[in-house]
């Protein structure tokens, strides 16, 4: 029997070759054991693998028996997803909280297997303008594409769909999937997940719209749904686009003609007359660099989407933008059964800043001349180019005040202060916390033209860190710097490793500027490896307890822990996991019971 991952790779190739192909009999791949070993490998290392849903089911206790039960319930269609446990997390940019659903681990396994099947079919079908929740794509790929494609755009239409993920219509979604996948059992399973509901304060609530709360398949289901919006905008683009009748304005063409005449006279004349023509040519060239060149007789639409955030760039007038907005609202309301927010869907001239994915975006009108290329030709390199900017007051200042990194004095200056909530941590953990926050912001805004403005954030965070350390040790900032100096002009927290003494230095914000796009790339070698039998399958099918060594048990299970660093090394199983440097240990049923009893 061929590995399921190899079959899914072939389905992916077929979908890529023929975008209109309709697939059948995909449900049977969910009845294969090897897809669940792959699903477990994708899930067990996540921080949420040990988080409980509405019952005590977690990544701990994974076994062949568990897989067999899942497959049996799917085969006879008695499988019923549990409601998710709803909790609330704080939004990063406000004091409001957003709901988060936590499914049981068995439901996560089935959803992950289902996601792999759906991704094999749909990934080649999705358009290049879609960047959210897709392999090898990220916010950075969306912003890089925007920077390249939106050159010369005159207007922005910022799209905002009201409560997109919560308002996805189940009937519409089922019909969209049914048009590509003719498999009743698969669609019924997706429908079960959508209708599973959620538990809050031990009360059950049904779900009548939206994708599964906190579900692993939620992102791909949302992409399938919003793919219809992508296709509609592409159709709108095909009808709207009108290419330039003339490349240049009459004034610019007249100056180019004068330049040509002056160049001919320079070649034909000599002496003082030639010098006069050279001076005339330079005068005309200065006027050329100041005169608008583009005729602006063209009409174009550019479009990019990340999840439910989308941006439309328009070459046209404001009336064209109003008509595009009206058509978008009509399509989203009628075809997708959702609502385009009229207040938040803004029409912005590209000379002003629009907001997309946390960046401020505009198209520059800059006549600054630079000499480029081998021949050092003078060009207006910045004109009509897209500029990405860090919104300092909107994002960075909010972050500084919300985290308590600095306070504002009466004269308006910011003064770094200590953070009381970090005082219980060790010195190493304090510096690591600041480093992760600073690197996270700087990595994300590495594409910004004003990236150097983050040096002030780095200064505030470094001295807030030093003040936190000083407050912890009841000392002062200069004494902390002297205490942790490395003798080379820098300071860092020393810590012991197996290789010897090392130092954790405070992060340098400028290092993030030179980092290439952080999107993960999956190599061909990795794909081949993924198609082979994975380690969990080998370890479970070996029928050997990795703790006591017995080969005579009826059941072998995976013992899973959340973090290796939490182990103390007091028990045999802890020492075994530390030695293997693994969060999992395949043990017999008896050993697993002993571990949990301890």
Protein backbone atom coordinates (compact mmCIF):
# COMPACT_ATOMS: atom_id res chain seq x y z
CA UNK A 1 0.00 0.00 0.00
CA UNK A 2 1.40 3.39 -1.03
CA UNK A 3 1.93 5.92 1.76
CA UNK A 4 -0.99 8.37 2.00
CA UNK A 5 1.34 11.38 1.81
CA UNK A 6 2.61 10.14 -1.54
CA UNK A 7 -0.98 9.82 -2.82
CA UNK A 8 -1.80 13.34 -1.58
CA UNK A 9 1.29 14.66 -3.37
CA UNK A 10 0.00 13.07 -6.59
CA UNK A 11 -3.45 14.62 -6.04
CA UNK A 12 -1.71 17.98 -5.56
CA UNK A 13 0.09 17.59 -8.92
CA UNK A 14 -3.14 16.62 -10.69
CA UNK A 15 -4.91 19.64 -9.21
CA UNK A 16 -2.04 21.85 -10.34
CA UNK A 17 -2.14 20.50 -13.91
CA UNK A 18 -5.90 20.81 -14.24
CA UNK A 19 -7.39 23.60 -12.14
CA UNK A 20 -10.96 22.59 -13.06
CA UNK A 21 -10.62 18.92 -12.07
CA UNK A 22 -13.31 17.53 -9.75
CA UNK A 23 -12.16 15.02 -7.12
CA UNK A 24 -14.08 12.04 -5.73
CA UNK A 25 -13.54 9.37 -3.07
CA UNK A 26 -11.21 11.40 -0.85
CA UNK A 27 -12.84 10.24 2.40
CA UNK A 28 -11.11 6.86 2.14
CA UNK A 29 -7.72 8.52 2.82
CA UNK A 30 -9.00 9.43 6.29
CA UNK A 31 -9.38 5.68 6.97
CA UNK A 32 -5.62 5.04 6.61
CA UNK A 33 -3.54 4.80 9.81
CA UNK A 34 -0.39 6.46 8.41
CA UNK A 35 -2.11 9.85 7.91
CA UNK A 36 -2.73 10.04 11.69
CA UNK A 37 0.93 9.41 12.50
CA UNK A 38 1.72 12.33 10.19
CA UNK A 39 -1.00 14.43 11.83
CA UNK A 40 0.40 13.64 15.28
CA UNK A 41 3.90 14.62 14.15
CA UNK A 42 2.52 17.99 13.01
CA UNK A 43 0.69 18.60 16.30
CA UNK A 44 2.59 17.12 19.23
CA UNK A 45 5.29 19.85 19.40
CA UNK A 46 2.74 22.70 19.56
CA UNK A 47 2.30 24.51 22.86
CA UNK A 48 -1.41 23.68 22.83
CA UNK A 49 -0.89 19.90 22.45
CA UNK A 50 -1.11 19.44 26.22
CA UNK A 51 -4.06 21.87 26.65
CA UNK A 52 -7.35 20.18 27.53
CA UNK A 53 -10.61 20.78 25.70
CA UNK A 54 -13.96 19.83 27.20
CA UNK A 55 -12.45 16.52 28.42
CA UNK A 56 -8.99 15.28 29.47
CA UNK A 57 -7.97 14.22 25.95
CA UNK A 58 -4.49 15.60 25.05
CA UNK A 59 -1.46 14.52 23.00
CA UNK A 60 -0.55 12.23 25.88
CA UNK A 61 -1.76 8.64 25.34
CA UNK A 62 -1.51 8.49 21.54
CA UNK A 63 -1.43 4.86 20.40
CA UNK A 64 -2.33 2.40 17.65
CA UNK A 65 -5.49 1.59 19.59
CA UNK A 66 -6.54 5.24 19.52
CA UNK A 67 -6.01 5.40 15.74
CA UNK A 68 -8.03 2.22 15.26
CA UNK A 69 -10.94 3.71 17.27
CA UNK A 70 -10.88 6.92 15.20
CA UNK A 71 -10.83 5.00 11.89
CA UNK A 72 -13.65 2.70 13.00
CA UNK A 73 -15.88 5.62 14.01
CA UNK A 74 -15.13 7.39 10.71
CA UNK A 75 -15.77 4.23 8.69
CA UNK A 76 -19.23 3.64 10.16
CA UNK A 77 -19.88 7.44 10.27
CA UNK A 78 -20.54 7.46 14.02
CA UNK A 79 -17.71 9.93 14.65
CA UNK A 80 -19.08 13.06 16.34
CA UNK A 81 -16.77 15.99 17.18
CA UNK A 82 -16.93 17.30 20.74
CA UNK A 83 -17.87 20.95 21.37
CA UNK A 84 -14.82 23.17 21.82
CA UNK A 85 -13.97 24.74 25.17
CA UNK A 86 -14.23 28.50 24.78
CA UNK A 87 -11.82 30.83 26.51
CA UNK A 88 -10.87 34.45 25.90
CA UNK A 89 -7.50 36.02 25.07
CA UNK A 90 -6.54 39.68 24.97
CA UNK A 91 -6.22 41.38 21.60
CA UNK A 92 -2.74 42.69 20.88
CA UNK A 93 -3.91 46.19 19.94
CA UNK A 94 -6.69 46.86 22.47
CA UNK A 95 -8.12 45.95 25.87
CA UNK A 96 -10.87 43.90 24.23
CA UNK A 97 -10.76 40.10 24.29
CA UNK A 98 -11.31 37.71 21.44
CA UNK A 99 -12.87 34.25 21.84
CA UNK A 100 -10.63 31.21 21.38
CA UNK A 101 -11.96 27.68 21.02
CA UNK A 102 -9.90 24.71 22.23
CA UNK A 103 -10.92 21.36 20.63
CA UNK A 104 -10.13 17.96 22.11
CA UNK A 105 -6.92 16.37 20.83
CA UNK A 106 -8.79 13.60 18.97
CA UNK A 107 -10.73 16.27 17.06
CA UNK A 108 -7.43 18.06 16.35
CA UNK A 109 -6.00 14.84 14.88
CA UNK A 110 -8.99 14.31 12.58
CA UNK A 111 -9.03 17.98 11.58
CA UNK A 112 -5.31 17.89 10.77
CA UNK A 113 -5.79 14.79 8.59
CA UNK A 114 -8.74 16.51 6.89
CA UNK A 115 -6.69 19.70 6.41
CA UNK A 116 -3.94 17.74 4.61
CA UNK A 117 -6.49 16.25 2.20
CA UNK A 118 -8.14 19.63 1.52
CA UNK A 119 -4.78 21.35 1.10
CA UNK A 120 -3.66 18.79 -1.51
CA UNK A 121 -6.78 19.61 -3.57
CA UNK A 122 -7.09 23.36 -3.07
CA UNK A 123 -3.57 24.73 -2.68
CA UNK A 124 -2.81 24.69 -6.45
CA UNK A 125 -6.24 26.26 -7.13
CA UNK A 126 -5.84 29.31 -4.86
CA UNK A 127 -4.70 32.46 -6.66
CA UNK A 128 -1.32 34.17 -6.16
CA UNK A 129 -3.03 37.23 -4.66
CA UNK A 130 -3.99 35.16 -1.57
CA UNK A 131 -1.30 34.97 1.14
CA UNK A 132 -3.03 34.05 4.42
CA UNK A 133 -2.62 30.63 6.08
CA UNK A 134 -0.87 29.04 3.12
CA UNK A 135 2.46 27.14 2.96
CA UNK A 136 5.47 29.26 1.94
CA UNK A 137 3.42 32.45 2.33
CA UNK A 138 3.17 35.00 5.11
CA UNK A 139 2.51 38.67 5.88
CA UNK A 140 5.96 39.43 4.49
CA UNK A 141 5.26 37.75 1.14
CA UNK A 142 2.00 39.73 0.90
CA UNK A 143 3.80 43.02 1.66
CA UNK A 144 6.68 42.22 -0.73
CA UNK A 145 4.16 41.45 -3.50
CA UNK A 146 2.27 44.66 -2.70
CA UNK A 147 5.47 46.69 -2.92
CA UNK A 148 6.18 45.28 -6.38
CA UNK A 149 2.67 45.19 -7.88
CA UNK A 150 1.10 48.43 -6.60
CA UNK A 151 3.65 50.72 -8.26
CA UNK A 152 1.92 53.80 -9.63
CA UNK A 153 -1.48 53.09 -8.00
CA UNK A 154 -3.49 56.28 -7.59
CA UNK A 155 -6.13 55.11 -5.10
CA UNK A 156 -6.45 52.49 -2.37
CA UNK A 157 -9.67 50.70 -1.37
CA UNK A 158 -9.14 49.15 2.08
CA UNK A 159 -11.46 46.14 2.46
CA UNK A 160 -13.04 45.17 5.78
CA UNK A 161 -15.62 42.37 6.10
CA UNK A 162 -17.67 42.49 9.31
CA UNK A 163 -16.84 39.47 11.54
CA UNK A 164 -15.65 37.44 8.57
CA UNK A 165 -14.73 34.15 10.29
CA UNK A 166 -17.83 34.22 12.52
CA UNK A 167 -20.24 34.86 9.65
CA UNK A 168 -19.20 32.25 7.07
CA UNK A 169 -22.44 30.71 5.82
CA UNK A 170 -22.41 26.91 6.25
CA UNK A 171 -24.72 26.24 3.30
CA UNK A 172 -22.67 28.39 0.92
CA UNK A 173 -19.40 26.81 2.10
CA UNK A 174 -20.77 23.27 1.65
CA UNK A 175 -21.92 24.09 -1.89
CA UNK A 176 -18.51 25.59 -2.76
CA UNK A 177 -16.69 22.46 -1.54
CA UNK A 178 -19.22 20.24 -3.31
CA UNK A 179 -18.42 21.92 -6.63
CA UNK A 180 -14.79 20.74 -6.34
CA UNK A 181 -15.08 17.57 -4.22
CA UNK A 182 -17.89 15.12 -4.98
CA UNK A 183 -17.67 13.10 -1.78
CA UNK A 184 -20.77 13.16 0.44
CA UNK A 185 -19.05 11.58 3.46
CA UNK A 186 -16.24 14.17 3.45
CA UNK A 187 -18.69 17.08 3.24
CA UNK A 188 -20.82 15.54 6.02
CA UNK A 189 -17.70 15.34 8.23
CA UNK A 190 -16.88 19.02 7.57
CA UNK A 191 -20.50 19.89 8.35
CA UNK A 192 -20.24 18.03 11.68
CA UNK A 193 -17.21 20.11 12.66
CA UNK A 194 -19.00 23.33 11.70
CA UNK A 195 -22.04 22.41 13.81
CA UNK A 196 -20.12 21.03 16.83
CA UNK A 197 -20.77 24.14 18.96
CA UNK A 198 -18.85 25.30 22.02
CA UNK A 199 -18.95 25.13 25.83
CA UNK A 200 -18.66 28.27 27.97
CA UNK A 201 -19.07 28.16 31.77
CA UNK A 202 -20.26 24.55 31.32
CA UNK A 203 -23.15 25.62 29.11
CA UNK A 204 -23.51 24.40 25.52
CA UNK A 205 -24.00 26.87 22.64
CA UNK A 206 -24.70 25.86 19.06
CA UNK A 207 -22.86 27.30 16.05
CA UNK A 208 -25.09 28.43 13.19
CA UNK A 209 -22.45 30.21 11.11
CA UNK A 210 -18.69 30.60 11.00
CA UNK A 211 -15.84 28.09 10.76
CA UNK A 212 -15.07 25.67 13.66
CA UNK A 213 -14.12 27.66 16.75
CA UNK A 214 -10.32 27.41 17.14
CA UNK A 215 -10.26 24.56 14.64
CA UNK A 216 -7.24 23.50 12.61
CA UNK A 217 -9.34 23.40 9.43
CA UNK A 218 -10.75 26.91 10.01
CA UNK A 219 -8.03 28.73 7.99
CA UNK A 220 -8.32 26.52 4.89
CA UNK A 221 -12.14 26.61 5.02
CA UNK A 222 -11.97 30.42 5.19
CA UNK A 223 -9.59 30.46 2.20
CA UNK A 224 -11.95 28.20 0.21
CA UNK A 225 -14.77 30.62 1.01
CA UNK A 226 -12.84 33.82 0.24
CA UNK A 227 -11.34 32.28 -2.93
CA UNK A 228 -14.67 33.24 -4.51
CA UNK A 229 -13.93 36.89 -3.65
CA UNK A 230 -10.49 36.55 -5.28
CA UNK A 231 -12.06 35.18 -8.48
CA UNK A 232 -14.65 37.96 -8.50
CA UNK A 233 -11.99 40.69 -8.20
CA UNK A 234 -9.95 39.06 -11.01
CA UNK A 235 -13.07 39.13 -13.22
CA UNK A 236 -13.65 42.75 -12.20
CA UNK A 237 -10.02 43.49 -13.11
CA UNK A 238 -10.37 41.90 -16.55
CA UNK A 239 -13.40 44.10 -17.31
CA UNK A 240 -11.88 47.26 -15.81
CA UNK A 241 -8.28 47.25 -17.07
CA UNK A 242 -7.56 49.61 -19.99
CA UNK A 243 -3.96 49.91 -21.12
CA UNK A 244 -2.27 53.21 -21.95
CA UNK A 245 -3.16 54.90 -25.23
CA UNK A 246 -0.05 57.05 -24.97
CA UNK A 247 2.97 56.41 -22.81
CA UNK A 248 3.94 60.04 -22.14
CA UNK A 249 2.27 63.41 -21.62
CA UNK A 250 2.46 65.95 -24.53
CA UNK A 251 4.79 68.19 -22.46
CA UNK A 252 7.17 65.33 -21.76
CA UNK A 253 7.17 64.18 -25.40
CA UNK A 254 7.94 67.75 -26.56
CA UNK A 255 10.94 67.93 -24.22
CA UNK A 256 12.20 64.52 -25.43
CA UNK A 257 11.99 65.81 -29.04
CA UNK A 258 14.02 68.91 -28.10
CA UNK A 259 16.59 66.65 -26.44
CA UNK A 260 16.92 64.60 -29.62
CA UNK A 261 17.46 67.76 -31.71
CA UNK A 262 20.08 69.06 -29.26
CA UNK A 263 21.89 65.67 -29.29
CA UNK A 264 22.03 65.72 -33.13
CA UNK A 265 23.48 69.26 -33.15
CA UNK A 266 26.09 68.25 -30.56
CA UNK A 267 27.28 65.43 -32.85
CA UNK A 268 27.33 67.64 -35.97
CA UNK A 269 28.86 70.88 -34.59
CA UNK A 270 32.22 71.78 -33.07
CA UNK A 271 33.93 74.44 -31.02
CA UNK A 272 31.88 77.13 -29.28
CA UNK A 273 28.66 76.17 -31.08
CA UNK A 274 28.96 72.59 -29.79
CA UNK A 275 29.46 73.85 -26.22
CA UNK A 276 26.31 75.99 -26.52
CA UNK A 277 24.30 72.94 -27.62
CA UNK A 278 25.72 70.91 -24.71
CA UNK A 279 24.55 73.61 -22.28
CA UNK A 280 21.13 73.64 -23.99
CA UNK A 281 20.91 69.84 -23.71
CA UNK A 282 21.65 70.02 -19.94
CA UNK A 283 18.98 72.73 -19.48
CA UNK A 284 16.38 70.60 -21.29
CA UNK A 285 17.40 67.51 -19.30
CA UNK A 286 16.77 69.34 -16.01
CA UNK A 287 13.26 70.20 -17.26
CA UNK A 288 12.70 66.56 -18.29
CA UNK A 289 13.46 65.41 -14.74
CA UNK A 290 10.92 67.87 -13.32
CA UNK A 291 8.10 67.18 -15.81
CA UNK A 292 5.49 64.44 -15.15
CA UNK A 293 6.05 61.68 -17.70
CA UNK A 294 3.13 59.21 -17.32
CA UNK A 295 0.11 60.06 -19.44
CA UNK A 296 -2.29 58.46 -16.92
CA UNK A 297 -4.66 57.33 -19.66
CA UNK A 298 -4.62 53.76 -18.34
CA UNK A 299 -7.04 52.08 -15.92
CA UNK A 300 -5.90 49.16 -13.78
CA UNK A 301 -6.85 47.21 -10.66
CA UNK A 302 -4.29 45.59 -8.35
CA UNK A 303 -5.47 43.30 -5.54
CA UNK A 304 -3.94 41.46 -2.61
CA UNK A 305 -5.51 39.54 0.29
CA UNK A 306 -4.26 38.14 3.59
CA UNK A 307 -7.02 36.11 5.30
CA UNK A 308 -9.99 38.53 5.56
CA UNK A 309 -7.88 41.70 5.06
CA UNK A 310 -7.64 42.86 1.46
CA UNK A 311 -6.40 45.93 -0.38
CA UNK A 312 -7.35 47.08 -3.88
CA UNK A 313 -5.08 49.47 -5.79
CA UNK A 314 -6.84 51.47 -8.51
CA UNK A 315 -5.47 53.45 -11.44
CA UNK A 316 -8.47 55.62 -12.16
CA UNK A 317 -10.54 58.30 -10.48
CA UNK A 318 -12.52 58.38 -7.24
CA UNK A 319 -15.76 57.55 -9.05
CA UNK A 320 -14.17 54.31 -10.27
CA UNK A 321 -13.25 53.46 -6.67
CA UNK A 322 -16.80 54.13 -5.49
CA UNK A 323 -18.15 51.81 -8.20
CA UNK A 324 -15.63 49.07 -7.28
CA UNK A 325 -16.61 49.40 -3.61
CA UNK A 326 -20.30 49.12 -4.55
CA UNK A 327 -19.70 45.98 -6.62
CA UNK A 328 -17.62 44.41 -3.85
CA UNK A 329 -20.35 45.10 -1.26
CA UNK A 330 -22.99 43.68 -3.60
CA UNK A 331 -21.01 40.48 -4.30
CA UNK A 332 -20.06 39.91 -0.64
CA UNK A 333 -23.67 40.47 0.43
CA UNK A 334 -25.36 38.35 -2.24
CA UNK A 335 -22.87 35.56 -3.06
CA UNK A 336 -21.02 35.20 0.26
CA UNK A 337 -23.89 36.21 2.59
CA UNK A 338 -21.61 38.56 4.55
CA UNK A 339 -21.40 42.33 4.96
CA UNK A 340 -18.73 44.74 3.81
CA UNK A 341 -18.25 47.37 6.51
CA UNK A 342 -19.13 50.72 4.92
CA UNK A 343 -17.36 52.75 7.66
CA UNK A 344 -14.12 50.75 7.64
CA UNK A 345 -13.88 50.15 3.88
CA UNK A 346 -12.02 53.36 3.12
CA UNK A 347 -11.12 54.98 -0.19
CA UNK A 348 -7.74 56.68 0.23
CA UNK A 349 -5.64 58.63 -2.27
CA UNK A 350 -2.31 56.86 -2.60
CA UNK A 351 -0.43 60.02 -1.65
CA UNK A 352 -1.90 59.52 1.86
CA UNK A 353 -1.29 56.54 4.11
CA UNK A 354 -3.55 53.48 3.99
CA UNK A 355 -3.26 50.70 6.58
CA UNK A 356 -2.61 47.05 5.65
CA UNK A 357 -1.22 44.27 7.87
CA UNK A 358 0.02 46.72 10.50
CA UNK A 359 2.00 48.86 8.03
CA UNK A 360 1.21 52.35 6.75
CA UNK A 361 1.33 52.25 2.94
CA UNK A 362 1.48 54.99 0.34
CA UNK A 363 2.79 55.62 -3.19
CA UNK A 364 5.57 58.20 -3.23
CA UNK A 365 5.50 61.33 -5.38
CA UNK A 366 9.20 62.08 -5.12
CA UNK A 367 11.12 63.80 -7.92
CA UNK A 368 14.48 63.16 -6.26
CA UNK A 369 17.05 62.12 -8.87
CA UNK A 370 19.62 59.35 -8.41
CA UNK A 371 22.29 58.08 -10.75
CA UNK A 372 21.87 54.33 -11.28
CA UNK A 373 23.34 51.57 -13.42
CA UNK A 374 26.77 51.18 -14.97
CA UNK A 375 26.35 54.32 -17.06
CA UNK A 376 25.11 56.30 -14.03
CA UNK A 377 21.97 57.55 -15.76
CA UNK A 378 19.92 60.09 -13.81
CA UNK A 379 16.53 58.68 -12.88
CA UNK A 380 13.63 59.48 -10.56
CA UNK A 381 13.96 56.14 -8.77
CA UNK A 382 11.50 56.88 -5.94
CA UNK A 383 8.62 58.34 -7.95
CA UNK A 384 5.46 56.19 -8.00
CA UNK A 385 7.12 53.52 -5.83
CA UNK A 386 5.28 51.94 -2.89
CA UNK A 387 6.57 52.93 0.55
CA UNK A 388 6.01 50.80 3.65
CA UNK A 389 6.21 52.68 6.94
CA UNK A 390 6.17 51.69 10.62
CA UNK A 391 3.11 53.40 12.22
CA UNK A 392 5.01 54.65 15.26
CA UNK A 393 2.20 56.39 17.15
CA UNK A 394 -0.38 53.76 16.25
CA UNK A 395 1.56 50.57 16.99
CA UNK A 396 4.92 51.23 18.66
CA UNK A 397 3.77 53.81 21.22
CA UNK A 398 0.75 51.66 22.10
CA UNK A 399 3.08 48.70 22.64
CA UNK A 400 5.42 50.75 24.86
CA UNK A 401 2.60 52.01 27.09
CA UNK A 402 0.62 48.75 27.19
CA UNK A 403 3.71 46.80 28.32
CA UNK A 404 4.77 49.49 30.81
CA UNK A 405 8.21 49.89 29.20
CA UNK A 406 8.20 53.69 29.55
CA UNK A 407 6.12 56.55 30.89
CA UNK A 408 5.56 59.98 29.37
CA UNK A 409 6.92 62.93 31.32
CA UNK A 410 5.37 66.40 31.45
CA UNK A 411 7.74 67.70 28.74
CA UNK A 412 6.55 64.92 26.38
CA UNK A 413 9.70 62.79 26.59
CA UNK A 414 9.53 59.04 27.30
CA UNK A 415 11.38 57.68 30.32
CA UNK A 416 12.10 53.92 30.57
CA UNK A 417 10.87 52.26 33.79
CA UNK A 418 11.10 48.79 35.33
CA UNK A 419 8.37 46.18 34.73
CA UNK A 420 7.07 44.79 38.01
CA UNK A 421 5.49 41.69 36.41
CA UNK A 422 8.95 40.41 35.38
CA UNK A 423 10.68 40.78 38.76
CA UNK A 424 9.99 37.17 39.80
CA UNK A 425 11.93 35.83 36.77
CA UNK A 426 15.64 35.02 36.68
CA UNK A 427 18.08 37.49 35.11
CA UNK A 428 18.38 35.30 32.01
CA UNK A 429 14.61 35.05 31.62
CA UNK A 430 14.18 38.83 31.97
CA UNK A 431 16.67 39.58 29.18
CA UNK A 432 15.23 36.78 27.01
CA UNK A 433 11.72 38.22 27.43
CA UNK A 434 12.83 41.68 26.27
CA UNK A 435 14.84 40.16 23.41
CA UNK A 436 11.91 38.15 22.09
CA UNK A 437 9.62 41.21 22.14
CA UNK A 438 12.17 43.48 20.46
CA UNK A 439 13.14 40.92 17.81
CA UNK A 440 9.49 40.16 17.10
CA UNK A 441 8.69 43.81 16.33
CA UNK A 442 11.90 44.49 14.41
CA UNK A 443 11.61 41.31 12.33
CA UNK A 444 8.05 42.16 11.38
CA UNK A 445 8.84 45.77 10.42
CA UNK A 446 12.10 44.91 8.63
CA UNK A 447 10.53 45.95 5.28
CA UNK A 448 9.76 49.50 6.47
CA UNK A 449 11.53 52.48 4.91
CA UNK A 450 11.72 54.17 8.35
CA UNK A 451 13.08 51.05 10.08
CA UNK A 452 15.88 53.12 11.67
CA UNK A 453 13.24 54.90 13.79
CA UNK A 454 13.01 51.69 15.84
CA UNK A 455 16.40 52.52 17.38
CA UNK A 456 14.53 54.62 19.95
CA UNK A 457 12.33 51.64 20.83
CA UNK A 458 15.49 49.53 21.25
CA UNK A 459 16.98 52.19 23.57
CA UNK A 460 13.81 52.33 25.72
CA UNK A 461 13.60 48.54 25.95
CA UNK A 462 17.28 48.11 26.84
CA UNK A 463 17.12 50.62 29.68
CA UNK A 464 13.76 49.30 30.85
CA UNK A 465 15.44 45.87 31.02
CA UNK A 466 18.39 47.29 32.99
CA UNK A 467 16.01 49.09 35.38
CA UNK A 468 14.08 45.83 35.89
CA UNK A 469 17.33 44.00 36.71
CA UNK A 470 18.40 46.85 39.01
CA UNK A 471 15.05 46.81 40.81
CA UNK A 472 15.27 43.04 41.22
CA UNK A 473 18.77 43.26 42.78
CA UNK A 474 18.03 46.52 44.66
CA UNK A 475 20.83 48.19 42.76
CA UNK A 476 21.28 50.82 40.02
CA UNK A 477 21.60 50.74 36.23
CA UNK A 478 25.36 51.62 36.14
CA UNK A 479 26.08 48.85 38.67
CA UNK A 480 24.11 46.35 36.56
CA UNK A 481 26.10 47.28 33.45
CA UNK A 482 29.39 46.88 35.37
CA UNK A 483 28.24 43.56 36.85
CA UNK A 484 27.32 41.99 33.49
CA UNK A 485 30.08 43.54 31.32
CA UNK A 486 31.92 41.06 29.10
CA UNK A 487 35.15 43.06 28.89
CA UNK A 488 34.56 43.96 25.24
CA UNK A 489 32.27 46.95 25.71
CA UNK A 490 28.98 45.03 25.84
CA UNK A 491 26.90 43.48 28.61
CA UNK A 492 25.11 40.15 28.81
CA UNK A 493 23.82 37.60 31.31
CA UNK A 494 26.26 34.66 31.76
CA UNK A 495 24.79 31.14 31.86
CA UNK A 496 26.15 27.61 31.93
CA UNK A 497 25.81 25.13 29.04
CA UNK A 498 27.37 21.74 28.29
CA UNK A 499 29.81 23.55 26.01
CA UNK A 500 30.82 25.93 28.83
CA UNK A 501 29.97 29.48 29.90
CA UNK A 502 27.98 31.63 27.43
CA UNK A 503 26.33 35.04 27.54
CA UNK A 504 22.86 36.19 26.58
CA UNK A 505 23.37 39.67 25.10
CA UNK A 506 20.63 42.24 24.66
CA UNK A 507 19.25 42.03 21.11
CA UNK A 508 20.45 44.52 18.48
CA UNK A 509 17.53 45.91 16.53
CA UNK A 510 19.63 46.50 13.38
CA UNK A 511 20.31 42.76 12.98
CA UNK A 512 16.68 42.27 11.92
CA UNK A 513 17.03 44.59 8.91
CA UNK A 514 19.28 42.22 6.97
CA UNK A 515 17.22 39.09 7.68
CA UNK A 516 15.65 37.69 4.53
CA UNK A 517 11.95 36.83 4.32
CA UNK A 518 11.40 34.54 7.32
CA UNK A 519 8.77 32.40 5.54
CA UNK A 520 9.62 28.70 5.83
CA UNK A 521 10.51 26.95 2.60
CA UNK A 522 9.79 23.24 2.25
CA UNK A 523 12.53 21.56 0.22
CA UNK A 524 11.99 18.61 -2.13
CA UNK A 525 14.06 16.42 0.20
CA UNK A 526 11.68 17.26 3.03
CA UNK A 527 8.67 16.28 0.91
CA UNK A 528 10.26 12.89 0.13
CA UNK A 529 11.00 12.38 3.81
CA UNK A 530 7.42 13.23 4.77
CA UNK A 531 6.13 10.54 2.39
CA UNK A 532 8.16 7.86 4.15
CA UNK A 533 7.19 6.11 7.38
CA UNK A 534 7.68 8.61 10.22
CA UNK A 535 9.33 7.95 13.58
CA UNK A 536 6.08 7.74 15.59
CA UNK A 537 4.82 4.95 13.35
CA UNK A 538 8.12 3.08 13.64
CA UNK A 539 8.32 3.52 17.42
CA UNK A 540 4.74 2.43 18.08
CA UNK A 541 4.90 -0.52 15.68
CA UNK A 542 8.16 -1.70 17.27
CA UNK A 543 5.97 -2.84 20.24
CA UNK A 544 8.80 -2.12 22.68
CA UNK A 545 8.51 -0.02 25.82
CA UNK A 546 11.23 2.63 25.77
CA UNK A 547 11.21 2.70 29.59
CA UNK A 548 11.09 -0.91 30.86
CA UNK A 549 11.95 -2.66 27.58
CA UNK A 550 9.01 -5.08 27.60
CA UNK A 551 7.75 -6.46 24.27
CA UNK A 552 4.78 -8.40 25.65
CA UNK A 553 2.27 -5.61 26.41
CA UNK A 554 -1.12 -5.47 24.68
CA UNK A 555 -0.98 -1.69 24.17
CA UNK A 556 1.77 0.86 23.68
CA UNK A 557 1.09 4.58 24.07
CA UNK A 558 2.95 7.86 23.61
CA UNK A 559 3.64 9.70 26.87
CA UNK A 560 3.72 13.41 26.01
CA UNK A 561 4.91 16.42 28.03
CA UNK A 562 4.56 20.10 27.27
CA UNK A 563 8.15 21.26 27.91
CA UNK A 564 11.40 19.39 28.47
CA UNK A 565 12.75 22.12 30.73
CA UNK A 566 10.01 21.35 33.28
CA UNK A 567 11.48 17.90 33.98
CA UNK A 568 13.54 17.58 37.18
CA UNK A 569 15.24 14.28 36.36
CA UNK A 570 14.11 12.60 39.60
CA UNK A 571 12.17 9.70 38.04
CA UNK A 572 13.39 7.09 35.55
CA UNK A 573 11.01 8.27 32.81
CA UNK A 574 12.16 11.89 33.29
CA UNK A 575 15.82 10.88 32.96
CA UNK A 576 14.97 8.84 29.85
CA UNK A 577 13.24 11.80 28.19
CA UNK A 578 16.05 14.20 29.12
CA UNK A 579 18.63 11.78 27.70
CA UNK A 580 16.66 11.39 24.44
CA UNK A 581 15.89 15.15 24.29
CA UNK A 582 12.33 14.30 23.30
CA UNK A 583 8.90 15.47 24.46
CA UNK A 584 7.54 11.98 23.75
CA UNK A 585 8.25 8.50 25.09
CA UNK A 586 6.64 5.29 23.78
CA UNK A 587 5.75 3.18 26.84
CA UNK A 588 3.61 0.16 27.63
CA UNK A 589 0.20 0.65 29.24
CA UNK A 590 1.48 -0.40 32.70
CA UNK A 591 4.40 2.06 32.65
CA UNK A 592 2.11 4.84 31.43
CA UNK A 593 -0.24 4.27 34.37
CA UNK A 594 2.73 4.34 36.78
CA UNK A 595 4.02 7.60 35.30
CA UNK A 596 0.65 9.31 35.81
CA UNK A 597 0.22 7.89 39.29
CA UNK A 598 3.58 9.38 40.26
